[in-house]
Amino acid sequence: MLTIRLQRTGRKNQAQFRVVLTDSKNSPKSGRFKEILGSYDPKSGTTEFNADRIKHWVGLGAQASGTVHNFLVDKKIIAGDKKNVLPKKTKQTKKEDK
């Protein structure tokens, strides 16, 4: 299955990300991808996407990761609701005093 996800680039403590199309079985750090679809710079908060290519691949059945999906909804490239990508909190149990 094809996946649109982030691939980290950049130096230590200066992260930058590519938005790439890759097979879901490839690890994010493998460097194997089919196409670069955009970029994300978390320090400046800028995102750039190749909207027509993303729509093309989504039309062919590619799935976006949670974070990329939220970026695409923000930029109105795809329609839908945002996904909650934060980890679920565990329920805290109260200690009973005797």
N, C-alpha and C. Protein backbone atom coordinates (compact mmCIF):
# COMPACT_ATOMS: atom_id res chain seq x y z
N MET A 1 0.85 -1.17 0.00
CA MET A 1 0.00 0.00 0.00
C MET A 1 0.90 1.24 0.00
N LEU A 2 0.54 2.21 -0.79
CA LEU A 2 1.30 3.45 -0.86
C LEU A 2 0.89 4.40 0.26
N THR A 3 1.87 5.07 0.84
CA THR A 3 1.63 5.96 1.97
C THR A 3 2.30 7.31 1.69
N ILE A 4 1.61 8.37 2.04
CA ILE A 4 2.18 9.71 1.99
C ILE A 4 2.54 10.06 3.42
N ARG A 5 3.84 10.24 3.69
CA ARG A 5 4.27 10.51 5.06
C ARG A 5 5.49 11.40 5.09
N LEU A 6 5.90 11.77 6.30
CA LEU A 6 7.05 12.64 6.49
C LEU A 6 8.33 11.83 6.56
N GLN A 7 9.40 12.38 5.99
CA GLN A 7 10.72 11.78 6.08
C GLN A 7 11.66 12.86 6.59
N ARG A 8 12.31 12.59 7.71
CA ARG A 8 13.16 13.60 8.33
C ARG A 8 14.45 13.80 7.53
N THR A 9 14.79 15.07 7.34
CA THR A 9 16.07 15.45 6.76
C THR A 9 16.63 16.55 7.65
N GLY A 10 17.76 17.10 7.31
CA GLY A 10 18.31 18.19 8.08
C GLY A 10 19.31 17.70 9.11
N ARG A 11 19.97 18.64 9.75
CA ARG A 11 21.01 18.31 10.71
C ARG A 11 20.44 18.08 12.10
N LYS A 12 21.32 17.71 13.01
CA LYS A 12 20.93 17.50 14.40
C LYS A 12 20.41 18.81 14.98
N ASN A 13 19.27 18.74 15.65
CA ASN A 13 18.59 19.89 16.26
C ASN A 13 18.08 20.91 15.24
N GLN A 14 18.12 20.60 13.97
CA GLN A 14 17.56 21.48 12.94
C GLN A 14 16.75 20.63 11.96
N ALA A 15 15.66 20.10 12.45
CA ALA A 15 14.87 19.15 11.68
C ALA A 15 14.16 19.85 10.53
N GLN A 16 14.11 19.17 9.42
CA GLN A 16 13.26 19.51 8.29
C GLN A 16 12.71 18.20 7.76
N PHE A 17 11.55 18.27 7.15
CA PHE A 17 10.90 17.06 6.70
C PHE A 17 10.51 17.18 5.23
N ARG A 18 10.62 16.06 4.52
CA ARG A 18 10.07 15.93 3.18
C ARG A 18 8.73 15.22 3.30
N VAL A 19 7.82 15.56 2.44
CA VAL A 19 6.57 14.81 2.31
C VAL A 19 6.78 13.90 1.11
N VAL A 20 6.83 12.58 1.37
CA VAL A 20 7.17 11.63 0.31
C VAL A 20 6.07 10.59 0.13
N LEU A 21 6.04 10.04 -1.06
CA LEU A 21 5.18 8.91 -1.39
C LEU A 21 6.06 7.67 -1.35
N THR A 22 5.72 6.70 -0.52
CA THR A 22 6.52 5.50 -0.38
C THR A 22 5.63 4.31 -0.10
N ASP A 23 6.21 3.14 -0.21
CA ASP A 23 5.49 1.93 0.16
C ASP A 23 5.44 1.87 1.68
N SER A 24 4.33 1.44 2.23
CA SER A 24 4.16 1.43 3.69
C SER A 24 5.13 0.47 4.37
N LYS A 25 5.68 -0.48 3.64
CA LYS A 25 6.60 -1.45 4.24
C LYS A 25 8.01 -0.88 4.38
N ASN A 26 8.34 0.20 3.65
CA ASN A 26 9.64 0.83 3.79
C ASN A 26 9.69 1.61 5.09
N SER A 27 10.83 1.56 5.76
CA SER A 27 10.97 2.34 6.98
C SER A 27 11.14 3.81 6.60
N PRO A 28 10.77 4.73 7.50
CA PRO A 28 10.88 6.15 7.17
C PRO A 28 12.32 6.59 6.92
N LYS A 29 13.29 5.93 7.53
CA LYS A 29 14.69 6.33 7.37
C LYS A 29 15.40 5.59 6.24
N SER A 30 14.69 4.74 5.51
CA SER A 30 15.35 3.92 4.49
C SER A 30 15.84 4.75 3.31
N GLY A 31 15.18 5.87 3.03
CA GLY A 31 15.57 6.69 1.89
C GLY A 31 14.94 6.24 0.59
N ARG A 32 14.14 5.17 0.63
CA ARG A 32 13.48 4.70 -0.58
C ARG A 32 12.09 5.31 -0.67
N PHE A 33 11.85 6.06 -1.69
CA PHE A 33 10.54 6.64 -1.92
C PHE A 33 10.32 6.78 -3.41
N LYS A 34 9.07 6.93 -3.80
CA LYS A 34 8.72 7.02 -5.21
C LYS A 34 8.75 8.47 -5.71
N GLU A 35 8.29 9.40 -4.86
CA GLU A 35 8.18 10.78 -5.30
C GLU A 35 8.17 11.72 -4.10
N ILE A 36 8.81 12.88 -4.26
CA ILE A 36 8.76 13.93 -3.24
C ILE A 36 7.56 14.81 -3.55
N LEU A 37 6.68 14.97 -2.55
CA LEU A 37 5.43 15.69 -2.76
C LEU A 37 5.38 17.03 -2.04
N GLY A 38 6.39 17.35 -1.25
CA GLY A 38 6.38 18.63 -0.54
C GLY A 38 7.42 18.65 0.56
N SER A 39 7.32 19.67 1.42
CA SER A 39 8.26 19.80 2.52
C SER A 39 7.58 20.49 3.70
N TYR A 40 8.20 20.33 4.89
CA TYR A 40 7.69 20.94 6.12
C TYR A 40 8.88 21.36 6.96
N ASP A 41 8.87 22.62 7.40
CA ASP A 41 9.91 23.14 8.26
C ASP A 41 9.28 23.51 9.60
N PRO A 42 9.51 22.72 10.65
CA PRO A 42 8.84 22.99 11.92
C PRO A 42 9.34 24.25 12.63
N LYS A 43 10.58 24.67 12.37
CA LYS A 43 11.09 25.88 13.03
C LYS A 43 10.35 27.12 12.56
N SER A 44 10.18 27.25 11.26
CA SER A 44 9.47 28.42 10.74
C SER A 44 7.98 28.15 10.58
N GLY A 45 7.58 26.88 10.63
CA GLY A 45 6.17 26.53 10.49
C GLY A 45 5.66 26.55 9.07
N THR A 46 6.57 26.54 8.08
CA THR A 46 6.14 26.60 6.69
C THR A 46 5.92 25.20 6.13
N THR A 47 4.92 25.07 5.30
CA THR A 47 4.64 23.82 4.61
C THR A 47 4.45 24.13 3.13
N GLU A 48 4.99 23.28 2.29
CA GLU A 48 4.81 23.40 0.85
C GLU A 48 4.38 22.05 0.31
N PHE A 49 3.34 22.05 -0.49
CA PHE A 49 2.82 20.81 -1.05
C PHE A 49 2.63 20.95 -2.54
N ASN A 50 2.82 19.85 -3.26
CA ASN A 50 2.50 19.77 -4.67
C ASN A 50 1.07 19.21 -4.75
N ALA A 51 0.09 20.11 -4.71
CA ALA A 51 -1.31 19.72 -4.53
C ALA A 51 -1.83 18.81 -5.64
N ASP A 52 -1.49 19.08 -6.89
CA ASP A 52 -2.03 18.27 -7.97
C ASP A 52 -1.48 16.84 -7.92
N ARG A 53 -0.22 16.66 -7.55
CA ARG A 53 0.34 15.31 -7.45
C ARG A 53 -0.23 14.57 -6.25
N ILE A 54 -0.49 15.27 -5.15
CA ILE A 54 -1.08 14.63 -3.98
C ILE A 54 -2.49 14.16 -4.30
N LYS A 55 -3.28 15.00 -4.97
CA LYS A 55 -4.63 14.59 -5.37
C LYS A 55 -4.59 13.41 -6.33
N HIS A 56 -3.61 13.40 -7.22
CA HIS A 56 -3.46 12.28 -8.15
C HIS A 56 -3.22 10.97 -7.39
N TRP A 57 -2.27 10.98 -6.46
CA TRP A 57 -1.94 9.75 -5.74
C TRP A 57 -3.04 9.31 -4.77
N VAL A 58 -3.71 10.27 -4.15
CA VAL A 58 -4.83 9.91 -3.28
C VAL A 58 -5.95 9.31 -4.11
N GLY A 59 -6.14 9.81 -5.31
CA GLY A 59 -7.14 9.24 -6.22
C GLY A 59 -6.81 7.82 -6.63
N LEU A 60 -5.53 7.49 -6.65
CA LEU A 60 -5.11 6.12 -6.98
C LEU A 60 -5.07 5.20 -5.77
N GLY A 61 -5.39 5.73 -4.58
CA GLY A 61 -5.50 4.87 -3.41
C GLY A 61 -4.42 5.04 -2.36
N ALA A 62 -3.56 6.04 -2.47
CA ALA A 62 -2.53 6.26 -1.46
C ALA A 62 -3.17 6.80 -0.19
N GLN A 63 -2.68 6.37 0.96
CA GLN A 63 -3.18 6.81 2.26
C GLN A 63 -2.17 7.78 2.88
N ALA A 64 -2.65 8.85 3.49
CA ALA A 64 -1.78 9.81 4.16
C ALA A 64 -1.65 9.42 5.63
N SER A 65 -0.46 9.65 6.20
CA SER A 65 -0.27 9.42 7.63
C SER A 65 -1.11 10.44 8.39
N GLY A 66 -1.26 10.26 9.69
CA GLY A 66 -2.10 11.15 10.48
C GLY A 66 -1.67 12.60 10.42
N THR A 67 -0.39 12.86 10.61
CA THR A 67 0.12 14.23 10.61
C THR A 67 -0.01 14.86 9.23
N VAL A 68 0.33 14.12 8.20
CA VAL A 68 0.23 14.65 6.83
C VAL A 68 -1.24 14.90 6.49
N HIS A 69 -2.12 14.01 6.92
CA HIS A 69 -3.56 14.20 6.68
C HIS A 69 -4.03 15.52 7.29
N ASN A 70 -3.58 15.82 8.52
CA ASN A 70 -3.97 17.07 9.17
C ASN A 70 -3.42 18.29 8.43
N PHE A 71 -2.19 18.20 7.92
CA PHE A 71 -1.64 19.29 7.12
C PHE A 71 -2.46 19.51 5.85
N LEU A 72 -2.85 18.43 5.19
CA LEU A 72 -3.59 18.54 3.94
C LEU A 72 -4.99 19.10 4.17
N VAL A 73 -5.60 18.77 5.30
CA VAL A 73 -6.91 19.34 5.63
C VAL A 73 -6.77 20.84 5.91
N ASP A 74 -5.69 21.24 6.61
CA ASP A 74 -5.44 22.67 6.87
C ASP A 74 -5.30 23.46 5.59
N LYS A 75 -4.58 22.91 4.62
CA LYS A 75 -4.34 23.60 3.35
C LYS A 75 -5.49 23.44 2.36
N LYS A 76 -6.53 22.69 2.78
CA LYS A 76 -7.72 22.44 1.95
C LYS A 76 -7.39 21.71 0.66
N ILE A 77 -6.38 20.83 0.72
CA ILE A 77 -6.05 20.00 -0.43
C ILE A 77 -6.98 18.80 -0.48
N ILE A 78 -7.30 18.25 0.69
CA ILE A 78 -8.30 17.19 0.78
C ILE A 78 -9.37 17.63 1.76
N ALA A 79 -10.56 17.08 1.61
CA ALA A 79 -11.66 17.43 2.51
C ALA A 79 -11.77 16.37 3.60
N GLY A 80 -12.22 16.79 4.74
CA GLY A 80 -12.42 15.85 5.83
C GLY A 80 -12.12 16.49 7.17
N ASP A 81 -12.23 15.70 8.21
CA ASP A 81 -11.94 16.15 9.56
C ASP A 81 -10.52 15.79 9.93
N LYS A 82 -9.96 16.53 10.86
CA LYS A 82 -8.63 16.22 11.35
C LYS A 82 -8.67 14.96 12.20
N LYS A 83 -7.53 14.26 12.23
CA LYS A 83 -7.40 13.06 13.05
C LYS A 83 -6.65 13.42 14.33
N ASN A 84 -6.98 12.74 15.40
CA ASN A 84 -6.25 12.93 16.65
C ASN A 84 -5.01 12.04 16.59
N VAL A 85 -3.83 12.66 16.46
CA VAL A 85 -2.60 11.89 16.33
C VAL A 85 -1.81 11.83 17.62
N LEU A 86 -2.31 12.47 18.67
CA LEU A 86 -1.61 12.43 19.95
C LEU A 86 -1.84 11.08 20.61
N PRO A 87 -0.89 10.61 21.41
CA PRO A 87 -1.08 9.32 22.08
C PRO A 87 -2.20 9.41 23.11
N LYS A 88 -2.87 8.30 23.27
CA LYS A 88 -3.97 8.25 24.23
C LYS A 88 -3.40 8.20 25.64
N LYS A 89 -4.03 8.95 26.53
CA LYS A 89 -3.60 8.93 27.92
C LYS A 89 -4.18 7.71 28.61
N THR A 90 -3.42 7.17 29.53
CA THR A 90 -3.92 6.04 30.30
C THR A 90 -4.75 6.57 31.46
N LYS A 91 -5.73 5.81 31.85
CA LYS A 91 -6.58 6.22 32.95
C LYS A 91 -5.78 6.14 34.24
N GLN A 92 -5.94 7.18 35.04
CA GLN A 92 -5.26 7.18 36.33
C GLN A 92 -6.17 6.55 37.35
N THR A 93 -5.64 5.65 38.12
CA THR A 93 -6.43 5.00 39.15
C THR A 93 -6.18 5.69 40.48
N LYS A 94 -7.24 5.89 41.24
CA LYS A 94 -7.12 6.53 42.54
C LYS A 94 -6.72 5.47 43.57
N LYS A 95 -5.80 5.85 44.42
CA LYS A 95 -5.42 4.96 45.50
C LYS A 95 -6.42 5.09 46.63
N GLU A 96 -6.90 3.96 47.09
CA GLU A 96 -7.87 3.97 48.17
C GLU A 96 -7.15 3.94 49.51
N ASP A 97 -7.49 4.87 50.38
CA ASP A 97 -6.90 4.90 51.72
C ASP A 97 -7.73 4.06 52.65
N LYS A 98 -7.07 3.29 53.50
CA LYS A 98 -7.79 2.44 54.47
C LYS A 98 -7.53 2.90 55.87
